[in-house]
């Protein structure tokens, strides 16, 4: 079973859009997901700060700035 994490930050409109997409797709596929605020951790902010939202699947970076739905679904199906 996959685990999806959305790296986000407060006040980020693109992050809100990505979370909405991830929430919908993961609900359809019964995949667990969570969100993490990059500004809550200096290491996360250093790694992801200017690229949020970043989508991780099983801890590996899958994409950033937006959810590519077809590609995201294929990754979760595998």
C-alpha atoms as a PDB file:
ATOM      1  CA  UNK A   1       0.000   0.000   0.000  1.00  0.00           C
ATOM      2  CA  UNK A   2       1.336   3.420  -0.959  1.00  0.00           C
ATOM      3  CA  UNK A   3       1.659   6.490   1.273  1.00  0.00           C
ATOM      4  CA  UNK A   4       1.299   9.934  -0.292  1.00  0.00           C
ATOM      5  CA  UNK A   5       2.602  13.111   1.353  1.00  0.00           C
ATOM      6  CA  UNK A   6       1.996  16.637   0.109  1.00  0.00           C
ATOM      7  CA  UNK A   7       4.677  19.109   1.163  1.00  0.00           C
ATOM      8  CA  UNK A   8       2.872  22.416   1.575  1.00  0.00           C
ATOM      9  CA  UNK A   9       2.873  25.790   3.304  1.00  0.00           C
ATOM     10  CA  UNK A  10       0.273  28.081   4.792  1.00  0.00           C
ATOM     11  CA  UNK A  11      -1.291  30.527   2.337  1.00  0.00           C
ATOM     12  CA  UNK A  12      -0.166  28.667  -0.793  1.00  0.00           C
ATOM     13  CA  UNK A  13      -2.993  28.565  -3.351  1.00  0.00           C
ATOM     14  CA  UNK A  14      -1.226  25.959  -5.498  1.00  0.00           C
ATOM     15  CA  UNK A  15      -0.855  23.820  -2.356  1.00  0.00           C
ATOM     16  CA  UNK A  16      -4.591  24.017  -1.711  1.00  0.00           C
ATOM     17  CA  UNK A  17      -5.264  22.880  -5.291  1.00  0.00           C
ATOM     18  CA  UNK A  18      -2.792  19.999  -4.994  1.00  0.00           C
ATOM     19  CA  UNK A  19      -4.271  18.863  -1.675  1.00  0.00           C
ATOM     20  CA  UNK A  20      -7.750  18.920  -3.198  1.00  0.00           C
ATOM     21  CA  UNK A  21      -6.590  16.740  -6.110  1.00  0.00           C
ATOM     22  CA  UNK A  22      -4.624  14.359  -3.876  1.00  0.00           C
ATOM     23  CA  UNK A  23      -7.526  14.046  -1.426  1.00  0.00           C
ATOM     24  CA  UNK A  24      -9.967  13.191  -4.237  1.00  0.00           C
ATOM     25  CA  UNK A  25      -7.722  10.724  -6.069  1.00  0.00           C
ATOM     26  CA  UNK A  26      -6.479   8.988  -2.928  1.00  0.00           C
ATOM     27  CA  UNK A  27     -10.065   8.601  -1.683  1.00  0.00           C
ATOM     28  CA  UNK A  28     -11.041   6.985  -4.984  1.00  0.00           C
ATOM     29  CA  UNK A  29      -8.054   4.613  -4.841  1.00  0.00           C
ATOM     30  CA  UNK A  30      -8.177   4.026  -1.063  1.00  0.00           C
ATOM     31  CA  UNK A  31      -4.622   5.321  -0.596  1.00  0.00           C
ATOM     32  CA  UNK A  32      -3.466   6.976   2.631  1.00  0.00           C
ATOM     33  CA  UNK A  33      -2.172  10.530   2.375  1.00  0.00           C
ATOM     34  CA  UNK A  34      -1.042  13.365   4.609  1.00  0.00           C
ATOM     35  CA  UNK A  35       0.220  16.922   4.349  1.00  0.00           C
ATOM     36  CA  UNK A  36       3.334  18.417   5.939  1.00  0.00           C
ATOM     37  CA  UNK A  37       4.074  22.128   6.322  1.00  0.00           C
ATOM     38  CA  UNK A  38       7.613  22.792   5.087  1.00  0.00           C
ATOM     39  CA  UNK A  39       7.844  25.907   7.251  1.00  0.00           C
ATOM     40  CA  UNK A  40       7.483  23.809  10.417  1.00  0.00           C
ATOM     41  CA  UNK A  41      10.899  22.201   9.899  1.00  0.00           C
ATOM     42  CA  UNK A  42      14.092  23.998   8.762  1.00  0.00           C
ATOM     43  CA  UNK A  43      15.311  20.904   6.878  1.00  0.00           C
ATOM     44  CA  UNK A  44      12.051  20.574   4.959  1.00  0.00           C
ATOM     45  CA  UNK A  45      12.032  24.303   4.209  1.00  0.00           C
ATOM     46  CA  UNK A  46      15.613  24.086   2.898  1.00  0.00           C
ATOM     47  CA  UNK A  47      14.778  21.110   0.671  1.00  0.00           C
ATOM     48  CA  UNK A  48      11.330  22.034  -0.634  1.00  0.00           C
ATOM     49  CA  UNK A  49      10.888  25.732   0.174  1.00  0.00           C
ATOM     50  CA  UNK A  50      10.536  27.293  -3.277  1.00  0.00           C
ATOM     51  CA  UNK A  51       8.922  24.318  -5.001  1.00  0.00           C
ATOM     52  CA  UNK A  52       5.807  23.679  -2.918  1.00  0.00           C
ATOM     53  CA  UNK A  53       3.584  21.875  -3.320  1.00  0.00           C
ATOM     54  CA  UNK A  54       5.719  18.760  -3.683  1.00  0.00           C
ATOM     55  CA  UNK A  55       4.038  15.364  -3.905  1.00  0.00           C
ATOM     56  CA  UNK A  56       5.879  12.376  -2.422  1.00  0.00           C
ATOM     57  CA  UNK A  57       4.892   8.763  -2.960  1.00  0.00           C
ATOM     58  CA  UNK A  58       6.388   6.387  -0.409  1.00  0.00           C
ATOM     59  CA  UNK A  59       8.892   9.084   0.557  1.00  0.00           C
ATOM     60  CA  UNK A  60      10.186   9.626  -2.992  1.00  0.00           C
ATOM     61  CA  UNK A  61       9.522  12.833  -4.886  1.00  0.00           C
ATOM     62  CA  UNK A  62       6.881  12.296  -7.553  1.00  0.00           C
ATOM     63  CA  UNK A  63       6.255  15.847  -8.721  1.00  0.00           C
ATOM     64  CA  UNK A  64       5.859  19.462  -7.732  1.00  0.00           C
ATOM     65  CA  UNK A  65       3.707  22.573  -8.315  1.00  0.00           C
ATOM     66  CA  UNK A  66       0.695  20.583  -9.557  1.00  0.00           C
ATOM     67  CA  UNK A  67      -0.738  17.080  -9.648  1.00  0.00           C
ATOM     68  CA  UNK A  68      -0.457  15.420 -13.055  1.00  0.00           C
ATOM     69  CA  UNK A  69      -3.518  13.241 -12.530  1.00  0.00           C
ATOM     70  CA  UNK A  70      -2.895  10.481 -15.094  1.00  0.00           C
ATOM     71  CA  UNK A  71       0.756  10.097 -14.054  1.00  0.00           C
ATOM     72  CA  UNK A  72      -0.183  10.195 -10.357  1.00  0.00           C
ATOM     73  CA  UNK A  73      -2.841   7.512 -10.815  1.00  0.00           C
ATOM     74  CA  UNK A  74      -0.397   5.269 -12.719  1.00  0.00           C
ATOM     75  CA  UNK A  75       2.188   5.603  -9.951  1.00  0.00           C
ATOM     76  CA  UNK A  76      -0.371   4.621  -7.307  1.00  0.00           C
ATOM     77  CA  UNK A  77      -1.624   1.678  -9.362  1.00  0.00           C
ATOM     78  CA  UNK A  78       1.845   0.132  -9.512  1.00  0.00           C
END
